[in-house]
Amino acid sequence: MKAFEARHYLLSAELLWDRVADRDAYPYGLPAIANLSKIDFHPKVTFIVGENGSGKSTLIEALAVG
């Protein structure tokens, strides 16, 4: 997909750890977040999967407010 066609899509998200005061505080201590630095999304489809309590909803909420 060309860059101009993808302008309406979220293509990536990056967690700026240097701005996080406490890496053990919720939600940063969750395994799904604690090991995250950057996540890339495909412009056509992206699935977020994992076990209950792994942080899927937290990730989606963080993207919504970010």
PDB file of N, CA and C in Angstrom:
ATOM      1  N   MET A   1       0.839  -1.171   0.000  1.00  0.00           N
ATOM      2  CA  MET A   1       0.000   0.000   0.000  1.00  0.00           C
ATOM      3  C   MET A   1       0.890   1.241   0.000  1.00  0.00           C
ATOM      4  N   LYS A   2       0.558   2.181  -0.825  1.00  0.00           N
ATOM      5  CA  LYS A   2       1.339   3.411  -0.909  1.00  0.00           C
ATOM      6  C   LYS A   2       1.061   4.292   0.307  1.00  0.00           C
ATOM      7  N   ALA A   3       2.016   5.114   0.639  1.00  0.00           N
ATOM      8  CA  ALA A   3       1.912   5.953   1.839  1.00  0.00           C
ATOM      9  C   ALA A   3       0.680   6.853   1.801  1.00  0.00           C
ATOM     10  N   PHE A   4       0.365   7.432   0.650  1.00  0.00           N
ATOM     11  CA  PHE A   4      -0.782   8.333   0.592  1.00  0.00           C
ATOM     12  C   PHE A   4      -2.103   7.589   0.774  1.00  0.00           C
ATOM     13  N   GLU A   5      -2.150   6.306   0.454  1.00  0.00           N
ATOM     14  CA  GLU A   5      -3.357   5.514   0.648  1.00  0.00           C
ATOM     15  C   GLU A   5      -3.528   5.104   2.110  1.00  0.00           C
ATOM     16  N   ALA A   6      -2.460   5.082   2.872  1.00  0.00           N
ATOM     17  CA  ALA A   6      -2.493   4.605   4.256  1.00  0.00           C
ATOM     18  C   ALA A   6      -2.623   5.736   5.259  1.00  0.00           C
ATOM     19  N   ARG A   7      -2.858   6.944   4.857  1.00  0.00           N
ATOM     20  CA  ARG A   7      -2.835   8.073   5.788  1.00  0.00           C
ATOM     21  C   ARG A   7      -3.965   8.048   6.815  1.00  0.00           C
ATOM     22  N   HIS A   8      -5.026   7.282   6.564  1.00  0.00           N
ATOM     23  CA  HIS A   8      -6.144   7.233   7.494  1.00  0.00           C
ATOM     24  C   HIS A   8      -6.059   6.059   8.457  1.00  0.00           C
ATOM     25  N   TYR A   9      -4.968   5.333   8.411  1.00  0.00           N
ATOM     26  CA  TYR A   9      -4.823   4.142   9.231  1.00  0.00           C
ATOM     27  C   TYR A   9      -3.726   4.335  10.275  1.00  0.00           C
ATOM     28  N   LEU A  10      -3.932   3.708  11.418  1.00  0.00           N
ATOM     29  CA  LEU A  10      -2.885   3.660  12.430  1.00  0.00           C
ATOM     30  C   LEU A  10      -1.888   2.596  11.997  1.00  0.00           C
ATOM     31  N   LEU A  11      -0.680   3.001  11.659  1.00  0.00           N
ATOM     32  CA  LEU A  11       0.315   2.074  11.134  1.00  0.00           C
ATOM     33  C   LEU A  11       1.273   1.562  12.195  1.00  0.00           C
ATOM     34  N   SER A  12       1.445   2.318  13.280  1.00  0.00           N
ATOM     35  CA  SER A  12       2.318   1.861  14.353  1.00  0.00           C
ATOM     36  C   SER A  12       2.038   2.669  15.613  1.00  0.00           C
ATOM     37  N   ALA A  13       2.507   2.134  16.729  1.00  0.00           N
ATOM     38  CA  ALA A  13       2.431   2.819  18.011  1.00  0.00           C
ATOM     39  C   ALA A  13       3.714   2.514  18.765  1.00  0.00           C
ATOM     40  N   GLU A  14       4.204   3.492  19.484  1.00  0.00           N
ATOM     41  CA  GLU A  14       5.460   3.329  20.210  1.00  0.00           C
ATOM     42  C   GLU A  14       5.274   3.798  21.643  1.00  0.00           C
ATOM     43  N   LEU A  15       5.767   3.009  22.584  1.00  0.00           N
ATOM     44  CA  LEU A  15       5.713   3.374  23.991  1.00  0.00           C
ATOM     45  C   LEU A  15       7.017   4.076  24.346  1.00  0.00           C
ATOM     46  N   LEU A  16       6.914   5.304  24.791  1.00  0.00           N
ATOM     47  CA  LEU A  16       8.088   6.108  25.140  1.00  0.00           C
ATOM     48  C   LEU A  16       8.429   5.860  26.611  1.00  0.00           C
ATOM     49  N   TRP A  17       9.234   4.839  26.835  1.00  0.00           N
ATOM     50  CA  TRP A  17       9.544   4.404  28.194  1.00  0.00           C
ATOM     51  C   TRP A  17      10.240   5.477  29.013  1.00  0.00           C
ATOM     52  N   ASP A  18      10.941   6.391  28.390  1.00  0.00           N
ATOM     53  CA  ASP A  18      11.621   7.442  29.152  1.00  0.00           C
ATOM     54  C   ASP A  18      10.633   8.420  29.787  1.00  0.00           C
ATOM     55  N   ARG A  19       9.369   8.371  29.386  1.00  0.00           N
ATOM     56  CA  ARG A  19       8.341   9.230  29.968  1.00  0.00           C
ATOM     57  C   ARG A  19       7.501   8.508  31.027  1.00  0.00           C
ATOM     58  N   VAL A  20       7.780   7.245  31.253  1.00  0.00           N
ATOM     59  CA  VAL A  20       7.036   6.452  32.236  1.00  0.00           C
ATOM     60  C   VAL A  20       7.723   6.581  33.586  1.00  0.00           C
ATOM     61  N   ALA A  21       6.990   7.088  34.571  1.00  0.00           N
ATOM     62  CA  ALA A  21       7.574   7.321  35.900  1.00  0.00           C
ATOM     63  C   ALA A  21       7.845   6.014  36.644  1.00  0.00           C
ATOM     64  N   ASP A  22       6.923   5.058  36.570  1.00  0.00           N
ATOM     65  CA  ASP A  22       7.060   3.805  37.316  1.00  0.00           C
ATOM     66  C   ASP A  22       6.698   2.640  36.406  1.00  0.00           C
ATOM     67  N   ARG A  23       7.709   1.882  35.979  1.00  0.00           N
ATOM     68  CA  ARG A  23       7.480   0.773  35.047  1.00  0.00           C
ATOM     69  C   ARG A  23       6.735  -0.386  35.692  1.00  0.00           C
ATOM     70  N   ASP A  24       6.650  -0.422  37.023  1.00  0.00           N
ATOM     71  CA  ASP A  24       5.922  -1.481  37.706  1.00  0.00           C
ATOM     72  C   ASP A  24       4.455  -1.131  37.926  1.00  0.00           C
ATOM     73  N   ALA A  25       4.095   0.125  37.728  1.00  0.00           N
ATOM     74  CA  ALA A  25       2.709   0.561  37.929  1.00  0.00           C
ATOM     75  C   ALA A  25       1.834   0.050  36.789  1.00  0.00           C
ATOM     76  N   TYR A  26       0.541  -0.144  37.092  1.00  0.00           N
ATOM     77  CA  TYR A  26      -0.423  -0.567  36.085  1.00  0.00           C
ATOM     78  C   TYR A  26      -0.571   0.541  35.052  1.00  0.00           C
ATOM     79  N   PRO A  27      -0.619   0.257  33.809  1.00  0.00           N
ATOM     80  CA  PRO A  27      -0.615  -1.022  33.121  1.00  0.00           C
ATOM     81  C   PRO A  27       0.769  -1.448  32.653  1.00  0.00           C
ATOM     82  N   TYR A  28       1.798  -0.670  32.986  1.00  0.00           N
ATOM     83  CA  TYR A  28       3.139  -0.916  32.438  1.00  0.00           C
ATOM     84  C   TYR A  28       3.746  -2.234  32.900  1.00  0.00           C
ATOM     85  N   GLY A  29       3.291  -2.752  34.028  1.00  0.00           N
ATOM     86  CA  GLY A  29       3.808  -4.002  34.542  1.00  0.00           C
ATOM     87  C   GLY A  29       3.203  -5.248  33.895  1.00  0.00           C
ATOM     88  N   LEU A  30       2.129  -5.079  33.141  1.00  0.00           N
ATOM     89  CA  LEU A  30       1.525  -6.222  32.447  1.00  0.00           C
ATOM     90  C   LEU A  30       2.504  -6.755  31.406  1.00  0.00           C
ATOM     91  N   PRO A  31       2.630  -8.077  31.298  1.00  0.00           N
ATOM     92  CA  PRO A  31       3.581  -8.644  30.338  1.00  0.00           C
ATOM     93  C   PRO A  31       3.389  -8.139  28.909  1.00  0.00           C
ATOM     94  N   ALA A  32       2.142  -7.936  28.490  1.00  0.00           N
ATOM     95  CA  ALA A  32       1.882  -7.465  27.128  1.00  0.00           C
ATOM     96  C   ALA A  32       2.419  -6.053  26.904  1.00  0.00           C
ATOM     97  N   ILE A  33       2.495  -5.267  27.954  1.00  0.00           N
ATOM     98  CA  ILE A  33       2.972  -3.885  27.843  1.00  0.00           C
ATOM     99  C   ILE A  33       4.442  -3.788  28.218  1.00  0.00           C
ATOM    100  N   ALA A  34       4.860  -4.531  29.247  1.00  0.00           N
ATOM    101  CA  ALA A  34       6.230  -4.438  29.768  1.00  0.00           C
ATOM    102  C   ALA A  34       7.280  -4.771  28.711  1.00  0.00           C
ATOM    103  N   ASN A  35       6.951  -5.638  27.777  1.00  0.00           N
ATOM    104  CA  ASN A  35       7.896  -6.035  26.736  1.00  0.00           C
ATOM    105  C   ASN A  35       7.670  -5.301  25.419  1.00  0.00           C
ATOM    106  N   LEU A  36       6.885  -4.257  25.463  1.00  0.00           N
ATOM    107  CA  LEU A  36       6.507  -3.539  24.249  1.00  0.00           C
ATOM    108  C   LEU A  36       7.343  -2.276  24.085  1.00  0.00           C
ATOM    109  N   SER A  37       7.868  -2.075  22.929  1.00  0.00           N
ATOM    110  CA  SER A  37       8.502  -0.791  22.618  1.00  0.00           C
ATOM    111  C   SER A  37       7.790  -0.173  21.415  1.00  0.00           C
ATOM    112  N   LYS A  38       7.593  -0.958  20.365  1.00  0.00           N
ATOM    113  CA  LYS A  38       6.884  -0.475  19.187  1.00  0.00           C
ATOM    114  C   LYS A  38       6.078  -1.617  18.611  1.00  0.00           C
ATOM    115  N   ILE A  39       4.892  -1.296  18.153  1.00  0.00           N
ATOM    116  CA  ILE A  39       4.040  -2.284  17.514  1.00  0.00           C
ATOM    117  C   ILE A  39       3.611  -1.734  16.158  1.00  0.00           C
ATOM    118  N   ASP A  40       3.762  -2.546  15.129  1.00  0.00           N
ATOM    119  CA  ASP A  40       3.376  -2.157  13.776  1.00  0.00           C
ATOM    120  C   ASP A  40       2.057  -2.820  13.416  1.00  0.00           C
ATOM    121  N   PHE A  41       1.207  -2.078  12.726  1.00  0.00           N
ATOM    122  CA  PHE A  41      -0.095  -2.578  12.300  1.00  0.00           C
ATOM    123  C   PHE A  41      -0.145  -2.613  10.781  1.00  0.00           C
ATOM    124  N   HIS A  42      -0.776  -3.630  10.259  1.00  0.00           N
ATOM    125  CA  HIS A  42      -0.985  -3.716   8.812  1.00  0.00           C
ATOM    126  C   HIS A  42      -2.212  -2.870   8.484  1.00  0.00           C
ATOM    127  N   PRO A  43      -2.172  -2.076   7.437  1.00  0.00           N
ATOM    128  CA  PRO A  43      -3.303  -1.190   7.143  1.00  0.00           C
ATOM    129  C   PRO A  43      -4.578  -1.915   6.722  1.00  0.00           C
ATOM    130  N   LYS A  44      -4.498  -3.173   6.327  1.00  0.00           N
ATOM    131  CA  LYS A  44      -5.711  -3.875   5.898  1.00  0.00           C
ATOM    132  C   LYS A  44      -6.414  -4.587   7.050  1.00  0.00           C
ATOM    133  N   VAL A  45      -5.644  -5.227   7.941  1.00  0.00           N
ATOM    134  CA  VAL A  45      -6.255  -5.927   9.067  1.00  0.00           C
ATOM    135  C   VAL A  45      -5.199  -6.183  10.138  1.00  0.00           C
ATOM    136  N   THR A  46      -5.605  -6.047  11.385  1.00  0.00           N
ATOM    137  CA  THR A  46      -4.743  -6.377  12.516  1.00  0.00           C
ATOM    138  C   THR A  46      -5.592  -7.085  13.562  1.00  0.00           C
ATOM    139  N   PHE A  47      -5.095  -8.190  14.080  1.00  0.00           N
ATOM    140  CA  PHE A  47      -5.767  -8.919  15.144  1.00  0.00           C
ATOM    141  C   PHE A  47      -4.947  -8.780  16.415  1.00  0.00           C
ATOM    142  N   ILE A  48      -5.622  -8.523  17.516  1.00  0.00           N
ATOM    143  CA  ILE A  48      -4.988  -8.493  18.832  1.00  0.00           C
ATOM    144  C   ILE A  48      -5.530  -9.715  19.575  1.00  0.00           C
ATOM    145  N   VAL A  49      -4.670 -10.685  19.833  1.00  0.00           N
ATOM    146  CA  VAL A  49      -5.116 -11.920  20.479  1.00  0.00           C
ATOM    147  C   VAL A  49      -4.253 -12.206  21.703  1.00  0.00           C
ATOM    148  N   GLY A  50      -4.813 -12.946  22.647  1.00  0.00           N
ATOM    149  CA  GLY A  50      -4.078 -13.345  23.836  1.00  0.00           C
ATOM    150  C   GLY A  50      -5.014 -13.890  24.886  1.00  0.00           C
ATOM    151  N   GLU A  51      -4.444 -14.436  25.932  1.00  0.00           N
ATOM    152  CA  GLU A  51      -5.234 -15.007  27.019  1.00  0.00           C
ATOM    153  C   GLU A  51      -5.949 -13.909  27.799  1.00  0.00           C
ATOM    154  N   ASN A  52      -6.980 -14.312  28.525  1.00  0.00           N
ATOM    155  CA  ASN A  52      -7.682 -13.374  29.399  1.00  0.00           C
ATOM    156  C   ASN A  52      -6.690 -12.773  30.391  1.00  0.00           C
ATOM    157  N   GLY A  53      -6.775 -11.466  30.569  1.00  0.00           N
ATOM    158  CA  GLY A  53      -5.903 -10.780  31.511  1.00  0.00           C
ATOM    159  C   GLY A  53      -4.524 -10.458  30.984  1.00  0.00           C
ATOM    160  N   SER A  54      -4.286 -10.686  29.686  1.00  0.00           N
ATOM    161  CA  SER A  54      -2.951 -10.444  29.137  1.00  0.00           C
ATOM    162  C   SER A  54      -2.718  -8.995  28.712  1.00  0.00           C
ATOM    163  N   GLY A  55      -3.776  -8.175  28.681  1.00  0.00           N
ATOM    164  CA  GLY A  55      -3.600  -6.761  28.384  1.00  0.00           C
ATOM    165  C   GLY A  55      -4.134  -6.305  27.038  1.00  0.00           C
ATOM    166  N   LYS A  56      -4.927  -7.117  26.361  1.00  0.00           N
ATOM    167  CA  LYS A  56      -5.464  -6.738  25.045  1.00  0.00           C
ATOM    168  C   LYS A  56      -6.307  -5.466  25.139  1.00  0.00           C
ATOM    169  N   SER A  57      -7.264  -5.462  26.046  1.00  0.00           N
ATOM    170  CA  SER A  57      -8.138  -4.300  26.194  1.00  0.00           C
ATOM    171  C   SER A  57      -7.361  -3.073  26.652  1.00  0.00           C
ATOM    172  N   THR A  58      -6.392  -3.273  27.522  1.00  0.00           N
ATOM    173  CA  THR A  58      -5.558  -2.165  27.986  1.00  0.00           C
ATOM    174  C   THR A  58      -4.807  -1.548  26.820  1.00  0.00           C
ATOM    175  N   LEU A  59      -4.271  -2.366  25.944  1.00  0.00           N
ATOM    176  CA  LEU A  59      -3.568  -1.867  24.762  1.00  0.00           C
ATOM    177  C   LEU A  59      -4.504  -1.069  23.864  1.00  0.00           C
ATOM    178  N   ILE A  60      -5.696  -1.580  23.620  1.00  0.00           N
ATOM    179  CA  ILE A  60      -6.664  -0.886  22.771  1.00  0.00           C
ATOM    180  C   ILE A  60      -7.077   0.436  23.408  1.00  0.00           C
ATOM    181  N   GLU A  61      -7.310   0.458  24.720  1.00  0.00           N
ATOM    182  CA  GLU A  61      -7.665   1.692  25.413  1.00  0.00           C
ATOM    183  C   GLU A  61      -6.531   2.712  25.340  1.00  0.00           C
ATOM    184  N   ALA A  62      -5.288   2.252  25.482  1.00  0.00           N
ATOM    185  CA  ALA A  62      -4.139   3.163  25.396  1.00  0.00           C
ATOM    186  C   ALA A  62      -4.038   3.761  24.003  1.00  0.00           C
ATOM    187  N   LEU A  63      -4.302   2.984  22.983  1.00  0.00           N
ATOM    188  CA  LEU A  63      -4.285   3.506  21.614  1.00  0.00           C
ATOM    189  C   LEU A  63      -5.390   4.512  21.409  1.00  0.00           C
ATOM    190  N   ALA A  64      -6.537   4.299  22.035  1.00  0.00           N
ATOM    191  CA  ALA A  64      -7.681   5.193  21.867  1.00  0.00           C
ATOM    192  C   ALA A  64      -7.426   6.573  22.484  1.00  0.00           C
ATOM    193  N   VAL A  65      -6.740   6.610  23.612  1.00  0.00           N
ATOM    194  CA  VAL A  65      -6.494   7.894  24.278  1.00  0.00           C
ATOM    195  C   VAL A  65      -5.179   8.544  23.833  1.00  0.00           C
ATOM    196  N   GLY A  66      -4.309   7.735  23.195  1.00  0.00           N
ATOM    197  CA  GLY A  66      -2.986   8.227  22.792  1.00  0.00           C
ATOM    198  C   GLY A  66      -3.038   9.034  21.593  1.00  0.00           C
TER     199      GLY A  66
END
